[in-house]
Amino acid sequence: MKPVNKPMPFNYEKRVTVPSKVIFRELLGEAVVLNLGNEKYYSLDDIGTRVWNLLTGSATIHQAYQALLAEYDVEPDVLRKDLDDILDNLLENELIALADAEQPG
């Protein structure tokens, strides 16, 4: 039996950053993300674009999670699993990096 490759749970107190080799362009609610490092591009539908904007524009992953929970009719556990899957995929494709949240002060 093959082991299931499950993503690790993420620390939601981290923040998402976009590496300089990644270009994001939005048009009419959808988006394209280009990784110049591997020359691959990825398309995002309207929900994927909203998730990207919240993840990359929030102080922490938790803040993005809370905003998504308020905007969409989804159970908290389902959203957490889906968001973990998305983060895992974005990291695997080197489209984002995780950093410590900036401390106020």
N, C-alpha and C. Protein backbone atom coordinates (compact mmCIF):
# COMPACT_ATOMS: atom_id res chain seq x y z
N MET A 1 0.85 -1.18 0.00
CA MET A 1 0.00 0.00 0.00
C MET A 1 0.90 1.24 0.00
N LYS A 2 0.60 2.16 -0.89
CA LYS A 2 1.37 3.39 -1.04
C LYS A 2 0.94 4.41 0.01
N PRO A 3 1.91 5.10 0.66
CA PRO A 3 1.51 6.11 1.64
C PRO A 3 0.86 7.30 0.94
N VAL A 4 -0.14 7.87 1.58
CA VAL A 4 -0.81 9.04 1.03
C VAL A 4 0.04 10.26 1.36
N ASN A 5 0.30 11.07 0.35
CA ASN A 5 1.12 12.26 0.54
C ASN A 5 0.23 13.43 0.93
N LYS A 6 0.03 13.61 2.23
CA LYS A 6 -0.85 14.66 2.73
C LYS A 6 -0.03 15.89 3.06
N PRO A 7 -0.56 17.08 2.76
CA PRO A 7 0.18 18.30 3.11
C PRO A 7 0.26 18.47 4.63
N MET A 8 1.33 19.07 5.05
CA MET A 8 1.50 19.36 6.47
C MET A 8 0.59 20.53 6.83
N PRO A 9 0.06 20.54 8.05
CA PRO A 9 -0.72 21.71 8.46
C PRO A 9 0.22 22.93 8.53
N PHE A 10 -0.30 24.06 8.14
CA PHE A 10 0.51 25.26 8.09
C PHE A 10 0.32 26.11 9.33
N ASN A 11 1.35 26.86 9.67
CA ASN A 11 1.29 27.83 10.75
C ASN A 11 0.58 29.06 10.20
N TYR A 12 -0.63 29.29 10.63
CA TYR A 12 -1.43 30.38 10.10
C TYR A 12 -1.02 31.75 10.63
N GLU A 13 0.00 31.78 11.48
CA GLU A 13 0.53 33.06 11.94
C GLU A 13 1.66 33.54 11.02
N LYS A 14 1.99 32.74 10.01
CA LYS A 14 2.98 33.15 9.00
C LYS A 14 2.28 34.04 7.98
N ARG A 15 3.07 34.72 7.17
CA ARG A 15 2.51 35.50 6.08
C ARG A 15 3.04 34.96 4.76
N VAL A 16 2.28 35.18 3.71
CA VAL A 16 2.64 34.72 2.38
C VAL A 16 3.37 35.84 1.65
N THR A 17 4.50 35.50 1.04
CA THR A 17 5.22 36.45 0.21
C THR A 17 5.33 35.88 -1.20
N VAL A 18 5.54 36.75 -2.15
CA VAL A 18 5.67 36.34 -3.55
C VAL A 18 7.12 36.56 -3.97
N PRO A 19 7.80 35.49 -4.37
CA PRO A 19 9.19 35.65 -4.81
C PRO A 19 9.30 36.59 -6.02
N SER A 20 10.45 37.22 -6.18
CA SER A 20 10.63 38.17 -7.28
C SER A 20 10.55 37.51 -8.65
N LYS A 21 10.75 36.20 -8.71
CA LYS A 21 10.69 35.50 -10.00
C LYS A 21 9.25 35.15 -10.41
N VAL A 22 8.27 35.58 -9.62
CA VAL A 22 6.86 35.28 -9.90
C VAL A 22 6.12 36.56 -10.29
N ILE A 23 5.40 36.48 -11.40
CA ILE A 23 4.61 37.61 -11.90
C ILE A 23 3.14 37.23 -11.84
N PHE A 24 2.34 38.14 -11.30
CA PHE A 24 0.89 37.94 -11.17
C PHE A 24 0.19 39.03 -11.98
N ARG A 25 -0.74 38.64 -12.84
CA ARG A 25 -1.53 39.60 -13.61
C ARG A 25 -2.99 39.20 -13.54
N GLU A 26 -3.82 40.20 -13.23
CA GLU A 26 -5.26 39.97 -13.10
C GLU A 26 -5.99 40.71 -14.22
N LEU A 27 -7.00 40.03 -14.78
CA LEU A 27 -7.82 40.62 -15.83
C LEU A 27 -9.24 40.11 -15.69
N LEU A 28 -10.17 41.03 -15.49
CA LEU A 28 -11.59 40.69 -15.41
C LEU A 28 -11.89 39.63 -14.35
N GLY A 29 -11.23 39.72 -13.19
CA GLY A 29 -11.52 38.82 -12.08
C GLY A 29 -10.77 37.51 -12.10
N GLU A 30 -10.12 37.20 -13.21
CA GLU A 30 -9.30 35.99 -13.27
C GLU A 30 -7.85 36.41 -13.37
N ALA A 31 -6.93 35.45 -13.23
CA ALA A 31 -5.52 35.84 -13.19
C ALA A 31 -4.62 34.78 -13.80
N VAL A 32 -3.42 35.23 -14.12
CA VAL A 32 -2.35 34.35 -14.57
C VAL A 32 -1.17 34.59 -13.65
N VAL A 33 -0.53 33.50 -13.23
CA VAL A 33 0.67 33.58 -12.41
C VAL A 33 1.78 32.92 -13.20
N LEU A 34 2.88 33.64 -13.40
CA LEU A 34 4.00 33.13 -14.18
C LEU A 34 5.22 33.00 -13.28
N ASN A 35 5.80 31.80 -13.27
CA ASN A 35 7.04 31.56 -12.54
C ASN A 35 8.16 31.66 -13.57
N LEU A 36 8.93 32.74 -13.52
CA LEU A 36 10.03 32.94 -14.46
C LEU A 36 11.16 31.94 -14.24
N GLY A 37 11.23 31.37 -13.04
CA GLY A 37 12.28 30.40 -12.72
C GLY A 37 12.13 29.10 -13.50
N ASN A 38 10.90 28.62 -13.64
CA ASN A 38 10.69 27.36 -14.37
C ASN A 38 9.91 27.57 -15.67
N GLU A 39 9.59 28.84 -15.96
CA GLU A 39 8.89 29.23 -17.18
C GLU A 39 7.53 28.55 -17.33
N LYS A 40 6.86 28.30 -16.21
CA LYS A 40 5.52 27.74 -16.23
C LYS A 40 4.53 28.82 -15.81
N TYR A 41 3.34 28.76 -16.41
CA TYR A 41 2.30 29.69 -15.98
C TYR A 41 1.08 28.91 -15.51
N TYR A 42 0.32 29.56 -14.66
CA TYR A 42 -0.83 28.95 -14.02
C TYR A 42 -1.98 29.94 -14.12
N SER A 43 -3.17 29.44 -14.43
CA SER A 43 -4.34 30.33 -14.49
C SER A 43 -5.19 30.12 -13.24
N LEU A 44 -5.79 31.20 -12.79
CA LEU A 44 -6.65 31.17 -11.62
C LEU A 44 -8.04 31.65 -12.01
N ASP A 45 -9.07 30.93 -11.57
CA ASP A 45 -10.43 31.41 -11.80
C ASP A 45 -10.73 32.52 -10.79
N ASP A 46 -11.97 33.00 -10.77
CA ASP A 46 -12.30 34.13 -9.90
C ASP A 46 -12.09 33.82 -8.42
N ILE A 47 -12.43 32.61 -7.98
CA ILE A 47 -12.24 32.25 -6.57
C ILE A 47 -10.75 32.09 -6.27
N GLY A 48 -10.01 31.45 -7.17
CA GLY A 48 -8.56 31.30 -7.00
C GLY A 48 -7.87 32.65 -6.93
N THR A 49 -8.34 33.59 -7.75
CA THR A 49 -7.78 34.95 -7.75
C THR A 49 -8.07 35.63 -6.42
N ARG A 50 -9.29 35.46 -5.91
CA ARG A 50 -9.63 36.06 -4.62
C ARG A 50 -8.77 35.47 -3.50
N VAL A 51 -8.58 34.16 -3.51
CA VAL A 51 -7.74 33.50 -2.51
C VAL A 51 -6.31 34.03 -2.60
N TRP A 52 -5.77 34.12 -3.83
CA TRP A 52 -4.41 34.64 -4.02
C TRP A 52 -4.29 36.05 -3.45
N ASN A 53 -5.25 36.91 -3.81
CA ASN A 53 -5.19 38.30 -3.34
C ASN A 53 -5.26 38.40 -1.83
N LEU A 54 -6.10 37.57 -1.21
CA LEU A 54 -6.18 37.60 0.25
C LEU A 54 -4.91 37.05 0.89
N LEU A 55 -4.40 35.93 0.36
CA LEU A 55 -3.18 35.35 0.93
C LEU A 55 -2.00 36.30 0.81
N THR A 56 -1.83 36.91 -0.36
CA THR A 56 -0.66 37.76 -0.58
C THR A 56 -0.83 39.17 -0.03
N GLY A 57 -2.07 39.55 0.29
CA GLY A 57 -2.31 40.90 0.79
C GLY A 57 -2.61 41.00 2.27
N SER A 58 -2.64 39.88 2.95
CA SER A 58 -2.97 39.87 4.38
C SER A 58 -1.71 39.79 5.23
N ALA A 59 -1.83 40.27 6.45
CA ALA A 59 -0.69 40.25 7.37
C ALA A 59 -0.31 38.83 7.77
N THR A 60 -1.31 37.93 7.80
CA THR A 60 -1.06 36.53 8.15
C THR A 60 -2.00 35.64 7.34
N ILE A 61 -1.67 34.37 7.28
CA ILE A 61 -2.56 33.40 6.64
C ILE A 61 -3.89 33.35 7.40
N HIS A 62 -3.82 33.46 8.72
CA HIS A 62 -5.03 33.43 9.55
C HIS A 62 -5.98 34.57 9.17
N GLN A 63 -5.44 35.74 8.89
CA GLN A 63 -6.27 36.88 8.50
C GLN A 63 -6.98 36.58 7.16
N ALA A 64 -6.27 35.98 6.23
CA ALA A 64 -6.87 35.59 4.94
C ALA A 64 -7.94 34.53 5.16
N TYR A 65 -7.63 33.56 6.03
CA TYR A 65 -8.59 32.49 6.37
C TYR A 65 -9.88 33.09 6.93
N GLN A 66 -9.77 34.03 7.85
CA GLN A 66 -10.95 34.66 8.45
C GLN A 66 -11.76 35.41 7.41
N ALA A 67 -11.10 36.10 6.49
CA ALA A 67 -11.80 36.83 5.44
C ALA A 67 -12.55 35.87 4.52
N LEU A 68 -11.90 34.76 4.16
CA LEU A 68 -12.56 33.76 3.30
C LEU A 68 -13.75 33.13 4.01
N LEU A 69 -13.60 32.87 5.30
CA LEU A 69 -14.68 32.29 6.09
C LEU A 69 -15.89 33.23 6.11
N ALA A 70 -15.64 34.54 6.17
CA ALA A 70 -16.72 35.53 6.18
C ALA A 70 -17.36 35.68 4.80
N GLU A 71 -16.59 35.50 3.74
CA GLU A 71 -17.08 35.73 2.37
C GLU A 71 -17.80 34.54 1.75
N TYR A 72 -17.40 33.34 2.12
CA TYR A 72 -17.92 32.14 1.46
C TYR A 72 -18.69 31.26 2.44
N ASP A 73 -19.68 30.58 1.93
CA ASP A 73 -20.49 29.66 2.73
C ASP A 73 -19.75 28.32 2.79
N VAL A 74 -18.87 28.19 3.78
CA VAL A 74 -18.02 27.01 3.90
C VAL A 74 -17.79 26.72 5.38
N GLU A 75 -17.72 25.43 5.68
CA GLU A 75 -17.42 25.03 7.06
C GLU A 75 -15.95 25.34 7.37
N PRO A 76 -15.64 25.78 8.59
CA PRO A 76 -14.27 26.12 8.95
C PRO A 76 -13.26 25.00 8.68
N ASP A 77 -13.61 23.75 9.01
CA ASP A 77 -12.68 22.64 8.79
C ASP A 77 -12.44 22.37 7.31
N VAL A 78 -13.48 22.53 6.51
CA VAL A 78 -13.35 22.33 5.06
C VAL A 78 -12.46 23.42 4.48
N LEU A 79 -12.68 24.67 4.88
CA LEU A 79 -11.86 25.77 4.40
C LEU A 79 -10.40 25.56 4.81
N ARG A 80 -10.18 25.15 6.04
CA ARG A 80 -8.81 24.93 6.52
C ARG A 80 -8.11 23.87 5.66
N LYS A 81 -8.78 22.77 5.37
CA LYS A 81 -8.20 21.72 4.55
C LYS A 81 -7.93 22.23 3.14
N ASP A 82 -8.92 22.92 2.56
CA ASP A 82 -8.75 23.45 1.20
C ASP A 82 -7.62 24.47 1.14
N LEU A 83 -7.54 25.34 2.13
CA LEU A 83 -6.49 26.36 2.16
C LEU A 83 -5.11 25.71 2.34
N ASP A 84 -5.03 24.68 3.17
CA ASP A 84 -3.77 23.95 3.33
C ASP A 84 -3.35 23.31 2.01
N ASP A 85 -4.31 22.75 1.28
CA ASP A 85 -4.02 22.14 -0.03
C ASP A 85 -3.52 23.20 -1.02
N ILE A 86 -4.17 24.36 -1.02
CA ILE A 86 -3.76 25.45 -1.91
C ILE A 86 -2.36 25.93 -1.56
N LEU A 87 -2.10 26.15 -0.29
CA LEU A 87 -0.77 26.59 0.14
C LEU A 87 0.29 25.57 -0.24
N ASP A 88 -0.02 24.30 -0.04
CA ASP A 88 0.92 23.24 -0.39
C ASP A 88 1.23 23.28 -1.89
N ASN A 89 0.21 23.44 -2.70
CA ASN A 89 0.39 23.49 -4.16
C ASN A 89 1.19 24.72 -4.58
N LEU A 90 0.87 25.88 -4.02
CA LEU A 90 1.59 27.10 -4.36
C LEU A 90 3.06 27.02 -3.96
N LEU A 91 3.33 26.46 -2.79
CA LEU A 91 4.71 26.29 -2.35
C LEU A 91 5.46 25.29 -3.22
N GLU A 92 4.81 24.18 -3.54
CA GLU A 92 5.43 23.15 -4.37
C GLU A 92 5.83 23.69 -5.74
N ASN A 93 5.03 24.62 -6.28
CA ASN A 93 5.31 25.21 -7.58
C ASN A 93 6.13 26.50 -7.48
N GLU A 94 6.61 26.79 -6.27
CA GLU A 94 7.48 27.94 -6.00
C GLU A 94 6.83 29.27 -6.40
N LEU A 95 5.52 29.36 -6.20
CA LEU A 95 4.79 30.59 -6.50
C LEU A 95 4.69 31.51 -5.30
N ILE A 96 4.89 30.96 -4.11
CA ILE A 96 4.88 31.74 -2.87
C ILE A 96 5.99 31.23 -1.95
N ALA A 97 6.24 32.02 -0.92
CA ALA A 97 7.11 31.61 0.18
C ALA A 97 6.39 32.04 1.47
N LEU A 98 6.78 31.43 2.58
CA LEU A 98 6.20 31.80 3.87
C LEU A 98 7.27 32.52 4.68
N ALA A 99 6.83 33.55 5.40
CA ALA A 99 7.73 34.34 6.23
C ALA A 99 7.06 34.61 7.56
N ASP A 100 7.85 35.01 8.53
CA ASP A 100 7.29 35.42 9.80
C ASP A 100 6.44 36.67 9.60
N ALA A 101 5.34 36.76 10.30
CA ALA A 101 4.49 37.93 10.23
C ALA A 101 5.26 39.14 10.76
N GLU A 102 5.05 40.26 10.15
CA GLU A 102 5.73 41.48 10.61
C GLU A 102 5.11 41.91 11.93
N GLN A 103 5.97 42.24 12.87
CA GLN A 103 5.52 42.66 14.18
C GLN A 103 5.26 44.15 14.18
N PRO A 104 4.12 44.58 14.73
CA PRO A 104 3.87 46.03 14.81
C PRO A 104 4.87 46.68 15.75
N GLY A 105 5.21 47.89 15.42
CA GLY A 105 6.09 48.55 16.36
C GLY A 105 7.00 49.46 15.74
